[in-house]
N, C-alpha and C. Protein backbone atom coordinates (compact mmCIF):
# COMPACT_ATOMS: atom_id res chain seq x y z
N MET A 1 -3.67 -8.46 20.80
CA MET A 1 -4.74 -8.34 19.84
C MET A 1 -5.46 -9.68 19.74
N ARG A 2 -6.78 -9.58 19.61
CA ARG A 2 -7.59 -10.79 19.52
C ARG A 2 -8.74 -10.56 18.55
N ILE A 3 -9.31 -11.65 18.07
CA ILE A 3 -10.52 -11.57 17.26
C ILE A 3 -11.69 -11.42 18.22
N ILE A 4 -12.56 -10.47 17.96
CA ILE A 4 -13.59 -10.09 18.90
C ILE A 4 -14.85 -10.95 18.82
N ALA A 5 -15.25 -11.33 17.60
CA ALA A 5 -16.52 -12.07 17.46
C ALA A 5 -16.46 -12.98 16.24
N GLY A 6 -17.46 -13.84 16.14
CA GLY A 6 -17.58 -14.71 14.98
C GLY A 6 -16.93 -16.07 15.21
N SER A 7 -16.69 -16.77 14.12
CA SER A 7 -16.18 -18.14 14.18
C SER A 7 -14.76 -18.24 14.75
N LEU A 8 -14.00 -17.16 14.70
CA LEU A 8 -12.62 -17.16 15.21
C LEU A 8 -12.49 -16.40 16.53
N LYS A 9 -13.62 -16.11 17.16
CA LYS A 9 -13.63 -15.32 18.40
C LYS A 9 -12.61 -15.84 19.40
N GLY A 10 -11.84 -14.88 19.97
CA GLY A 10 -10.88 -15.21 21.00
C GLY A 10 -9.49 -15.57 20.48
N ARG A 11 -9.35 -15.82 19.19
CA ARG A 11 -8.03 -16.15 18.65
C ARG A 11 -7.10 -14.95 18.81
N ARG A 12 -5.89 -15.22 19.20
CA ARG A 12 -4.88 -14.16 19.38
C ARG A 12 -4.13 -13.97 18.07
N LEU A 13 -3.81 -12.72 17.77
CA LEU A 13 -3.05 -12.39 16.58
C LEU A 13 -1.66 -11.90 16.99
N LYS A 14 -0.68 -12.26 16.18
CA LYS A 14 0.68 -11.78 16.43
C LYS A 14 0.76 -10.30 16.11
N ALA A 15 1.47 -9.59 16.95
CA ALA A 15 1.71 -8.16 16.73
C ALA A 15 3.11 -7.99 16.14
N PRO A 16 3.37 -6.87 15.50
CA PRO A 16 4.70 -6.64 14.94
C PRO A 16 5.74 -6.49 16.04
N ASP A 17 6.96 -6.93 15.75
CA ASP A 17 8.04 -6.76 16.71
C ASP A 17 9.04 -5.71 16.20
N TRP A 18 8.55 -4.80 15.37
CA TRP A 18 9.37 -3.71 14.85
C TRP A 18 8.56 -2.42 14.96
N PRO A 19 9.23 -1.28 15.04
CA PRO A 19 8.52 0.00 15.16
C PRO A 19 7.91 0.43 13.82
N GLY A 20 6.92 1.31 13.91
CA GLY A 20 6.36 1.91 12.72
C GLY A 20 5.04 1.33 12.25
N LEU A 21 4.61 0.22 12.81
CA LEU A 21 3.32 -0.36 12.44
C LEU A 21 2.37 -0.16 13.60
N ARG A 22 1.22 0.44 13.32
CA ARG A 22 0.24 0.77 14.36
C ARG A 22 -1.03 -0.04 14.11
N PRO A 23 -1.16 -1.21 14.74
CA PRO A 23 -2.36 -2.03 14.52
C PRO A 23 -3.63 -1.33 15.02
N THR A 24 -4.73 -1.56 14.32
CA THR A 24 -6.03 -1.05 14.75
C THR A 24 -6.38 -1.72 16.08
N SER A 25 -6.71 -0.92 17.07
CA SER A 25 -6.98 -1.46 18.40
C SER A 25 -8.23 -2.33 18.40
N ASP A 26 -8.30 -3.24 19.38
CA ASP A 26 -9.49 -4.08 19.54
C ASP A 26 -10.74 -3.20 19.68
N LYS A 27 -10.63 -2.13 20.46
CA LYS A 27 -11.78 -1.26 20.72
C LYS A 27 -12.26 -0.59 19.42
N LEU A 28 -11.33 -0.10 18.61
CA LEU A 28 -11.73 0.57 17.37
C LEU A 28 -12.30 -0.44 16.37
N ARG A 29 -11.73 -1.66 16.32
CA ARG A 29 -12.28 -2.70 15.45
C ARG A 29 -13.70 -3.06 15.89
N GLU A 30 -13.91 -3.15 17.20
CA GLU A 30 -15.24 -3.46 17.70
C GLU A 30 -16.23 -2.38 17.29
N THR A 31 -15.83 -1.12 17.39
CA THR A 31 -16.68 0.00 16.96
C THR A 31 -16.99 -0.13 15.48
N LEU A 32 -15.97 -0.39 14.67
CA LEU A 32 -16.17 -0.53 13.22
C LEU A 32 -17.18 -1.62 12.91
N PHE A 33 -17.01 -2.78 13.51
CA PHE A 33 -17.90 -3.91 13.19
C PHE A 33 -19.28 -3.76 13.81
N ASN A 34 -19.40 -2.98 14.88
CA ASN A 34 -20.73 -2.66 15.40
C ASN A 34 -21.50 -1.81 14.39
N VAL A 35 -20.80 -0.89 13.73
CA VAL A 35 -21.43 -0.05 12.71
C VAL A 35 -21.76 -0.88 11.46
N LEU A 36 -20.83 -1.71 11.03
CA LEU A 36 -21.06 -2.52 9.82
C LEU A 36 -22.15 -3.57 10.04
N GLY A 37 -22.21 -4.11 11.24
CA GLY A 37 -23.24 -5.08 11.59
C GLY A 37 -23.32 -6.25 10.62
N PRO A 38 -24.53 -6.67 10.31
CA PRO A 38 -24.71 -7.86 9.47
C PRO A 38 -24.31 -7.67 8.01
N THR A 39 -23.99 -6.43 7.60
CA THR A 39 -23.58 -6.23 6.20
C THR A 39 -22.27 -6.93 5.88
N VAL A 40 -21.51 -7.32 6.90
CA VAL A 40 -20.24 -8.01 6.68
C VAL A 40 -20.47 -9.43 6.17
N ARG A 41 -21.53 -10.06 6.63
CA ARG A 41 -21.82 -11.44 6.22
C ARG A 41 -22.01 -11.51 4.71
N GLY A 42 -21.15 -12.27 4.05
CA GLY A 42 -21.21 -12.43 2.60
C GLY A 42 -20.53 -11.33 1.81
N ALA A 43 -19.96 -10.34 2.49
CA ALA A 43 -19.35 -9.19 1.82
C ALA A 43 -17.96 -9.50 1.29
N ARG A 44 -17.58 -8.74 0.26
CA ARG A 44 -16.21 -8.74 -0.25
C ARG A 44 -15.56 -7.48 0.31
N LEU A 45 -14.46 -7.67 1.05
CA LEU A 45 -13.83 -6.56 1.77
C LEU A 45 -12.39 -6.39 1.30
N LEU A 46 -11.97 -5.15 1.17
CA LEU A 46 -10.57 -4.81 0.90
C LEU A 46 -10.01 -4.21 2.17
N ASP A 47 -8.92 -4.79 2.69
CA ASP A 47 -8.22 -4.29 3.87
C ASP A 47 -6.89 -3.75 3.39
N ALA A 48 -6.82 -2.42 3.20
CA ALA A 48 -5.63 -1.79 2.62
C ALA A 48 -4.76 -1.19 3.72
N CYS A 49 -3.45 -1.21 3.49
CA CYS A 49 -2.49 -0.83 4.51
C CYS A 49 -2.78 -1.72 5.72
N ALA A 50 -2.87 -3.01 5.43
CA ALA A 50 -3.45 -4.00 6.33
C ALA A 50 -2.65 -4.29 7.59
N GLY A 51 -1.36 -4.02 7.60
CA GLY A 51 -0.57 -4.22 8.82
C GLY A 51 -0.56 -5.65 9.30
N THR A 52 -1.28 -5.93 10.37
CA THR A 52 -1.35 -7.29 10.94
C THR A 52 -2.45 -8.12 10.30
N GLY A 53 -3.36 -7.46 9.57
CA GLY A 53 -4.50 -8.15 8.97
C GLY A 53 -5.68 -8.28 9.91
N ALA A 54 -5.61 -7.63 11.07
CA ALA A 54 -6.65 -7.80 12.09
C ALA A 54 -8.05 -7.44 11.59
N VAL A 55 -8.19 -6.36 10.83
CA VAL A 55 -9.51 -5.95 10.37
C VAL A 55 -10.07 -6.99 9.39
N GLY A 56 -9.25 -7.39 8.44
CA GLY A 56 -9.71 -8.38 7.46
C GLY A 56 -10.00 -9.73 8.08
N ILE A 57 -9.18 -10.16 9.03
CA ILE A 57 -9.41 -11.46 9.69
C ILE A 57 -10.69 -11.38 10.53
N GLU A 58 -10.92 -10.25 11.17
CA GLU A 58 -12.17 -10.05 11.91
C GLU A 58 -13.36 -10.16 10.95
N ALA A 59 -13.24 -9.58 9.76
CA ALA A 59 -14.33 -9.67 8.78
C ALA A 59 -14.56 -11.11 8.35
N LEU A 60 -13.49 -11.87 8.13
CA LEU A 60 -13.64 -13.29 7.77
C LEU A 60 -14.32 -14.05 8.91
N SER A 61 -13.93 -13.75 10.13
CA SER A 61 -14.53 -14.40 11.29
C SER A 61 -16.03 -14.13 11.38
N ARG A 62 -16.44 -12.96 10.91
CA ARG A 62 -17.85 -12.56 10.97
C ARG A 62 -18.61 -12.91 9.70
N GLY A 63 -17.99 -13.69 8.81
CA GLY A 63 -18.72 -14.21 7.66
C GLY A 63 -18.50 -13.53 6.33
N ALA A 64 -17.49 -12.67 6.21
CA ALA A 64 -17.19 -12.07 4.90
C ALA A 64 -16.88 -13.20 3.91
N SER A 65 -17.30 -13.04 2.67
CA SER A 65 -17.07 -14.09 1.68
C SER A 65 -15.63 -14.08 1.18
N HIS A 66 -14.98 -12.89 1.15
CA HIS A 66 -13.60 -12.80 0.69
C HIS A 66 -12.99 -11.50 1.19
N VAL A 67 -11.70 -11.56 1.55
CA VAL A 67 -10.96 -10.37 1.95
C VAL A 67 -9.68 -10.30 1.13
N THR A 68 -9.44 -9.14 0.55
CA THR A 68 -8.19 -8.87 -0.14
C THR A 68 -7.37 -7.96 0.77
N PHE A 69 -6.20 -8.44 1.19
CA PHE A 69 -5.29 -7.67 2.03
C PHE A 69 -4.27 -7.00 1.12
N VAL A 70 -4.02 -5.71 1.33
CA VAL A 70 -2.99 -4.99 0.59
C VAL A 70 -2.00 -4.45 1.60
N GLU A 71 -0.72 -4.83 1.44
CA GLU A 71 0.33 -4.38 2.36
C GLU A 71 1.65 -4.32 1.62
N ARG A 72 2.33 -3.17 1.69
CA ARG A 72 3.59 -3.01 0.97
C ARG A 72 4.81 -3.48 1.76
N ASP A 73 4.75 -3.44 3.08
CA ASP A 73 5.89 -3.86 3.91
C ASP A 73 5.96 -5.39 3.91
N PRO A 74 7.04 -5.98 3.39
CA PRO A 74 7.11 -7.44 3.31
C PRO A 74 7.00 -8.13 4.68
N ARG A 75 7.51 -7.48 5.72
CA ARG A 75 7.40 -8.06 7.07
C ARG A 75 5.94 -8.12 7.50
N ALA A 76 5.19 -7.07 7.22
CA ALA A 76 3.77 -7.04 7.59
C ALA A 76 2.98 -8.02 6.74
N ALA A 77 3.28 -8.11 5.45
CA ALA A 77 2.59 -9.08 4.59
C ALA A 77 2.82 -10.51 5.09
N ASP A 78 4.05 -10.79 5.52
CA ASP A 78 4.34 -12.11 6.11
C ASP A 78 3.57 -12.31 7.41
N LEU A 79 3.45 -11.23 8.20
CA LEU A 79 2.71 -11.30 9.47
C LEU A 79 1.23 -11.59 9.21
N ILE A 80 0.66 -10.99 8.17
CA ILE A 80 -0.74 -11.27 7.81
C ILE A 80 -0.89 -12.76 7.49
N ALA A 81 0.05 -13.28 6.67
CA ALA A 81 -0.01 -14.71 6.32
C ALA A 81 0.11 -15.59 7.56
N GLU A 82 0.99 -15.22 8.49
CA GLU A 82 1.14 -15.98 9.74
C GLU A 82 -0.14 -15.93 10.57
N ASN A 83 -0.76 -14.75 10.66
CA ASN A 83 -1.99 -14.62 11.45
C ASN A 83 -3.13 -15.41 10.82
N LEU A 84 -3.23 -15.39 9.51
CA LEU A 84 -4.26 -16.19 8.83
C LEU A 84 -4.04 -17.67 9.11
N ALA A 85 -2.78 -18.13 8.99
CA ALA A 85 -2.47 -19.54 9.23
C ALA A 85 -2.75 -19.93 10.68
N ALA A 86 -2.38 -19.06 11.62
CA ALA A 86 -2.62 -19.34 13.04
C ALA A 86 -4.12 -19.45 13.35
N CYS A 87 -4.94 -18.74 12.58
CA CYS A 87 -6.39 -18.80 12.76
C CYS A 87 -7.02 -19.93 11.94
N GLY A 88 -6.21 -20.63 11.17
CA GLY A 88 -6.73 -21.73 10.37
C GLY A 88 -7.47 -21.29 9.11
N VAL A 89 -7.24 -20.07 8.68
CA VAL A 89 -7.90 -19.54 7.47
C VAL A 89 -7.03 -19.91 6.27
N THR A 90 -7.56 -20.77 5.43
CA THR A 90 -6.79 -21.25 4.27
C THR A 90 -7.36 -20.79 2.93
N ASP A 91 -8.55 -20.20 2.95
CA ASP A 91 -9.15 -19.74 1.70
C ASP A 91 -9.91 -18.45 1.95
N ARG A 92 -10.61 -17.95 0.95
CA ARG A 92 -11.41 -16.72 1.03
C ARG A 92 -10.58 -15.47 1.23
N HIS A 93 -9.30 -15.50 0.84
CA HIS A 93 -8.47 -14.31 0.98
C HIS A 93 -7.38 -14.28 -0.08
N ALA A 94 -6.84 -13.08 -0.28
CA ALA A 94 -5.67 -12.87 -1.13
C ALA A 94 -4.83 -11.80 -0.46
N ILE A 95 -3.52 -11.93 -0.59
CA ILE A 95 -2.60 -10.92 -0.05
C ILE A 95 -1.86 -10.31 -1.24
N ILE A 96 -2.00 -9.01 -1.41
CA ILE A 96 -1.29 -8.28 -2.47
C ILE A 96 -0.16 -7.52 -1.79
N ARG A 97 1.04 -7.84 -2.20
CA ARG A 97 2.24 -7.27 -1.57
C ARG A 97 2.74 -6.09 -2.39
N MET A 98 2.08 -4.96 -2.22
CA MET A 98 2.48 -3.72 -2.89
C MET A 98 1.79 -2.55 -2.22
N GLY A 99 2.20 -1.36 -2.57
CA GLY A 99 1.58 -0.16 -2.02
C GLY A 99 0.14 -0.03 -2.46
N PHE A 100 -0.65 0.72 -1.70
CA PHE A 100 -2.07 0.82 -1.98
C PHE A 100 -2.36 1.51 -3.30
N GLU A 101 -1.57 2.52 -3.65
CA GLU A 101 -1.82 3.23 -4.91
C GLU A 101 -1.70 2.28 -6.10
N GLY A 102 -0.63 1.50 -6.14
CA GLY A 102 -0.45 0.53 -7.23
C GLY A 102 -1.50 -0.56 -7.20
N ALA A 103 -1.81 -1.04 -6.01
CA ALA A 103 -2.83 -2.09 -5.88
C ALA A 103 -4.19 -1.54 -6.28
N GLY A 104 -4.46 -0.28 -5.96
CA GLY A 104 -5.73 0.33 -6.35
C GLY A 104 -5.92 0.34 -7.85
N ARG A 105 -4.85 0.67 -8.58
CA ARG A 105 -4.92 0.63 -10.05
C ARG A 105 -5.16 -0.79 -10.53
N ARG A 106 -4.46 -1.73 -9.91
CA ARG A 106 -4.59 -3.15 -10.30
C ARG A 106 -6.00 -3.69 -10.01
N LEU A 107 -6.60 -3.23 -8.93
CA LEU A 107 -7.90 -3.75 -8.50
C LEU A 107 -9.08 -2.95 -9.05
N SER A 108 -8.82 -1.87 -9.75
CA SER A 108 -9.90 -1.04 -10.29
C SER A 108 -10.87 -1.91 -11.08
N GLY A 109 -12.14 -1.76 -10.80
CA GLY A 109 -13.15 -2.56 -11.47
C GLY A 109 -13.55 -3.80 -10.67
N THR A 110 -12.77 -4.15 -9.64
CA THR A 110 -13.11 -5.28 -8.77
C THR A 110 -14.22 -4.83 -7.82
N PRO A 111 -15.31 -5.58 -7.75
CA PRO A 111 -16.41 -5.14 -6.87
C PRO A 111 -16.10 -5.44 -5.40
N PHE A 112 -16.11 -4.41 -4.57
CA PHE A 112 -15.96 -4.56 -3.13
C PHE A 112 -17.20 -3.98 -2.47
N ASP A 113 -17.64 -4.62 -1.40
CA ASP A 113 -18.75 -4.09 -0.61
C ASP A 113 -18.24 -3.09 0.42
N VAL A 114 -17.06 -3.39 0.98
CA VAL A 114 -16.44 -2.52 1.98
C VAL A 114 -14.95 -2.39 1.64
N VAL A 115 -14.47 -1.15 1.63
CA VAL A 115 -13.04 -0.88 1.49
C VAL A 115 -12.62 -0.21 2.79
N PHE A 116 -11.66 -0.84 3.48
CA PHE A 116 -11.13 -0.29 4.74
C PHE A 116 -9.67 0.06 4.51
N ILE A 117 -9.29 1.29 4.86
CA ILE A 117 -7.91 1.74 4.69
C ILE A 117 -7.42 2.30 6.01
N ASP A 118 -6.22 1.86 6.41
CA ASP A 118 -5.59 2.37 7.62
C ASP A 118 -4.19 2.89 7.24
N PRO A 119 -4.15 4.04 6.53
CA PRO A 119 -2.85 4.56 6.10
C PRO A 119 -2.05 5.11 7.27
N PRO A 120 -0.74 5.32 7.08
CA PRO A 120 0.02 5.99 8.14
C PRO A 120 -0.67 7.30 8.51
N TYR A 121 -0.69 7.63 9.79
CA TYR A 121 -1.37 8.84 10.24
C TYR A 121 -0.67 10.07 9.69
N GLY A 122 -1.46 11.01 9.23
CA GLY A 122 -0.98 12.28 8.69
C GLY A 122 -1.98 12.79 7.67
N ALA A 123 -2.14 14.11 7.60
CA ALA A 123 -3.13 14.70 6.69
C ALA A 123 -2.83 14.36 5.23
N ALA A 124 -1.56 14.43 4.84
CA ALA A 124 -1.20 14.14 3.44
C ALA A 124 -1.47 12.68 3.10
N GLU A 125 -1.13 11.78 4.02
CA GLU A 125 -1.36 10.35 3.80
C GLU A 125 -2.84 10.03 3.70
N LEU A 126 -3.65 10.72 4.49
CA LEU A 126 -5.10 10.54 4.46
C LEU A 126 -5.65 10.92 3.09
N LEU A 127 -5.24 12.08 2.58
CA LEU A 127 -5.72 12.53 1.26
C LEU A 127 -5.23 11.59 0.15
N GLU A 128 -3.98 11.13 0.23
CA GLU A 128 -3.46 10.18 -0.76
C GLU A 128 -4.28 8.89 -0.75
N ALA A 129 -4.63 8.40 0.43
CA ALA A 129 -5.41 7.17 0.54
C ALA A 129 -6.80 7.35 -0.07
N LEU A 130 -7.44 8.48 0.19
CA LEU A 130 -8.76 8.74 -0.38
C LEU A 130 -8.69 8.83 -1.90
N THR A 131 -7.66 9.48 -2.41
CA THR A 131 -7.49 9.60 -3.87
C THR A 131 -7.29 8.22 -4.50
N ALA A 132 -6.48 7.38 -3.89
CA ALA A 132 -6.23 6.04 -4.41
C ALA A 132 -7.47 5.15 -4.30
N ALA A 133 -8.30 5.39 -3.29
CA ALA A 133 -9.49 4.56 -3.08
C ALA A 133 -10.64 4.93 -4.00
N ASP A 134 -10.68 6.16 -4.47
CA ASP A 134 -11.81 6.65 -5.25
C ASP A 134 -12.25 5.68 -6.36
N PRO A 135 -11.33 5.16 -7.20
CA PRO A 135 -11.79 4.26 -8.27
C PRO A 135 -12.30 2.90 -7.79
N LEU A 136 -12.05 2.56 -6.54
CA LEU A 136 -12.47 1.27 -6.00
C LEU A 136 -13.87 1.32 -5.39
N VAL A 137 -14.39 2.51 -5.23
CA VAL A 137 -15.68 2.68 -4.56
C VAL A 137 -16.79 2.72 -5.61
N GLY A 138 -17.55 1.63 -5.66
CA GLY A 138 -18.67 1.53 -6.58
C GLY A 138 -19.92 2.14 -5.98
N PRO A 139 -21.03 2.04 -6.70
CA PRO A 139 -22.28 2.64 -6.23
C PRO A 139 -22.75 2.12 -4.87
N ALA A 140 -22.44 0.88 -4.54
CA ALA A 140 -22.90 0.31 -3.26
C ALA A 140 -21.77 0.10 -2.26
N THR A 141 -20.58 0.58 -2.56
CA THR A 141 -19.41 0.35 -1.71
C THR A 141 -19.36 1.36 -0.57
N LEU A 142 -19.03 0.87 0.60
CA LEU A 142 -18.77 1.73 1.75
C LEU A 142 -17.26 1.79 1.95
N LEU A 143 -16.72 3.00 1.98
CA LEU A 143 -15.30 3.22 2.24
C LEU A 143 -15.15 3.70 3.68
N VAL A 144 -14.24 3.06 4.43
CA VAL A 144 -13.96 3.46 5.81
C VAL A 144 -12.46 3.72 5.91
N VAL A 145 -12.10 4.88 6.42
CA VAL A 145 -10.70 5.25 6.57
C VAL A 145 -10.41 5.52 8.03
N GLU A 146 -9.42 4.80 8.57
CA GLU A 146 -8.95 5.09 9.92
C GLU A 146 -7.92 6.20 9.81
N HIS A 147 -8.01 7.17 10.72
CA HIS A 147 -7.07 8.28 10.68
C HIS A 147 -6.90 8.86 12.08
N ALA A 148 -5.90 9.71 12.21
CA ALA A 148 -5.66 10.38 13.49
C ALA A 148 -6.77 11.41 13.72
N ARG A 149 -7.24 11.47 14.92
CA ARG A 149 -8.28 12.44 15.26
C ARG A 149 -7.82 13.86 14.98
N ARG A 150 -6.53 14.13 15.15
CA ARG A 150 -5.98 15.47 14.94
C ARG A 150 -5.96 15.89 13.47
N ASP A 151 -6.10 14.91 12.56
CA ASP A 151 -6.13 15.18 11.12
C ASP A 151 -7.54 14.92 10.61
N PRO A 152 -8.40 15.93 10.62
CA PRO A 152 -9.79 15.70 10.24
C PRO A 152 -9.92 15.20 8.80
N ALA A 153 -10.84 14.28 8.62
CA ALA A 153 -11.11 13.75 7.28
C ALA A 153 -11.87 14.81 6.48
N PRO A 154 -11.50 15.00 5.22
CA PRO A 154 -12.21 16.00 4.41
C PRO A 154 -13.67 15.61 4.17
N ASP A 155 -14.52 16.60 3.99
CA ASP A 155 -15.93 16.34 3.70
C ASP A 155 -16.10 15.60 2.38
N ALA A 156 -15.23 15.89 1.43
CA ALA A 156 -15.31 15.26 0.12
C ALA A 156 -13.90 15.11 -0.45
N ALA A 157 -13.74 14.10 -1.31
CA ALA A 157 -12.47 13.88 -2.01
C ALA A 157 -12.81 13.17 -3.32
N GLY A 158 -12.53 13.82 -4.44
CA GLY A 158 -12.90 13.24 -5.73
C GLY A 158 -14.40 13.04 -5.79
N THR A 159 -14.84 11.83 -6.08
CA THR A 159 -16.28 11.54 -6.14
C THR A 159 -16.82 11.06 -4.80
N LEU A 160 -15.98 11.08 -3.77
CA LEU A 160 -16.37 10.56 -2.46
C LEU A 160 -16.93 11.65 -1.55
N GLN A 161 -17.97 11.30 -0.83
CA GLN A 161 -18.59 12.22 0.12
C GLN A 161 -18.58 11.57 1.50
N ARG A 162 -18.03 12.29 2.48
CA ARG A 162 -18.03 11.76 3.84
C ARG A 162 -19.45 11.78 4.39
N THR A 163 -19.84 10.67 5.02
CA THR A 163 -21.19 10.55 5.56
C THR A 163 -21.22 10.47 7.08
N ARG A 164 -20.07 10.14 7.66
CA ARG A 164 -20.05 9.94 9.11
C ARG A 164 -18.61 9.91 9.61
N VAL A 165 -18.40 10.34 10.85
CA VAL A 165 -17.10 10.22 11.51
C VAL A 165 -17.35 9.74 12.94
N LEU A 166 -16.57 8.74 13.36
CA LEU A 166 -16.62 8.26 14.74
C LEU A 166 -15.24 8.44 15.36
N HIS A 167 -15.19 8.93 16.59
CA HIS A 167 -13.93 9.13 17.29
C HIS A 167 -13.78 8.10 18.40
N SER A 168 -12.55 7.64 18.58
CA SER A 168 -12.23 6.72 19.66
C SER A 168 -10.80 7.02 20.09
N GLY A 169 -10.66 7.70 21.22
CA GLY A 169 -9.33 8.08 21.67
C GLY A 169 -8.66 9.00 20.66
N ASP A 170 -7.42 8.67 20.28
CA ASP A 170 -6.67 9.48 19.32
C ASP A 170 -6.99 9.13 17.88
N SER A 171 -7.83 8.12 17.67
CA SER A 171 -8.15 7.66 16.32
C SER A 171 -9.57 8.02 15.94
N ALA A 172 -9.84 7.95 14.63
CA ALA A 172 -11.18 8.21 14.12
C ALA A 172 -11.43 7.30 12.92
N LEU A 173 -12.69 7.05 12.66
CA LEU A 173 -13.12 6.32 11.47
C LEU A 173 -13.99 7.27 10.66
N ALA A 174 -13.62 7.50 9.40
CA ALA A 174 -14.42 8.32 8.49
C ALA A 174 -15.06 7.40 7.46
N PHE A 175 -16.36 7.57 7.24
CA PHE A 175 -17.13 6.74 6.33
C PHE A 175 -17.46 7.56 5.08
N TYR A 176 -17.26 6.96 3.92
CA TYR A 176 -17.50 7.65 2.65
C TYR A 176 -18.35 6.79 1.73
N ARG A 177 -19.11 7.46 0.88
CA ARG A 177 -19.86 6.85 -0.22
C ARG A 177 -19.64 7.72 -1.45
N ARG A 178 -20.01 7.22 -2.60
CA ARG A 178 -19.97 8.03 -3.83
C ARG A 178 -20.89 9.22 -3.64
N ALA A 179 -20.46 10.39 -4.09
CA ALA A 179 -21.21 11.63 -3.89
C ALA A 179 -22.58 11.59 -4.56
N GLU A 180 -22.69 10.93 -5.72
CA GLU A 180 -23.97 10.90 -6.43
C GLU A 180 -24.96 9.93 -5.81
N GLN A 181 -24.50 9.18 -4.83
CA GLN A 181 -25.34 8.18 -4.20
C GLN A 181 -26.21 8.81 -3.12
N SER A 182 -27.47 8.43 -3.07
CA SER A 182 -28.36 9.02 -2.08
C SER A 182 -28.79 8.01 -1.01
N ARG A 183 -28.11 6.84 -0.97
CA ARG A 183 -28.44 5.82 0.04
C ARG A 183 -28.15 6.35 1.44
N PRO A 184 -29.00 6.00 2.40
CA PRO A 184 -28.71 6.40 3.78
C PRO A 184 -27.51 5.61 4.31
N GLU A 185 -26.79 6.21 5.23
CA GLU A 185 -25.61 5.59 5.85
C GLU A 185 -26.04 4.47 6.78
N ILE A 186 -25.17 3.47 6.92
CA ILE A 186 -25.37 2.41 7.91
C ILE A 186 -25.36 3.05 9.29
N GLN A 187 -26.30 2.70 10.10
CA GLN A 187 -26.36 3.28 11.45
C GLN A 187 -25.80 2.35 12.47
């Protein structure tokens, strides 16, 4: 795994040495950031179920003002801290070591421009992640959920409305906005 673009371009990230953690591939991260484009610069991003921290570190590399990493597995949270240190990132981030549902309640009311969630693959896990994310999505927030292609993202969940889906191999990215929002999707 490597950082694809920005000030940290080319930096290598440590991968987990235990089973059960599925890092977002370089290709899928590149697709995500191609869609987000310049909106990342100056943005506040939440990287939930962060794993290695690759998505959040990529956002910092591309100019995000702050990234909040949420990870419940203590080994993965330590790995995020190691990857940040290896990239020389000493500020503009926070690591919350708890499950996303609890962190979502704790962070409710915190303004985020982008919320990215990579829950364990499965239809039930996808719906749980969307439910937990709902209170974090403000009027201008873009929610992106990575999920298995075989588990289609629902058209709507709570106040969230799906606006776009991108497929890449066995994975997919589903983009959501508040249902009452009429802003056009990022292209």
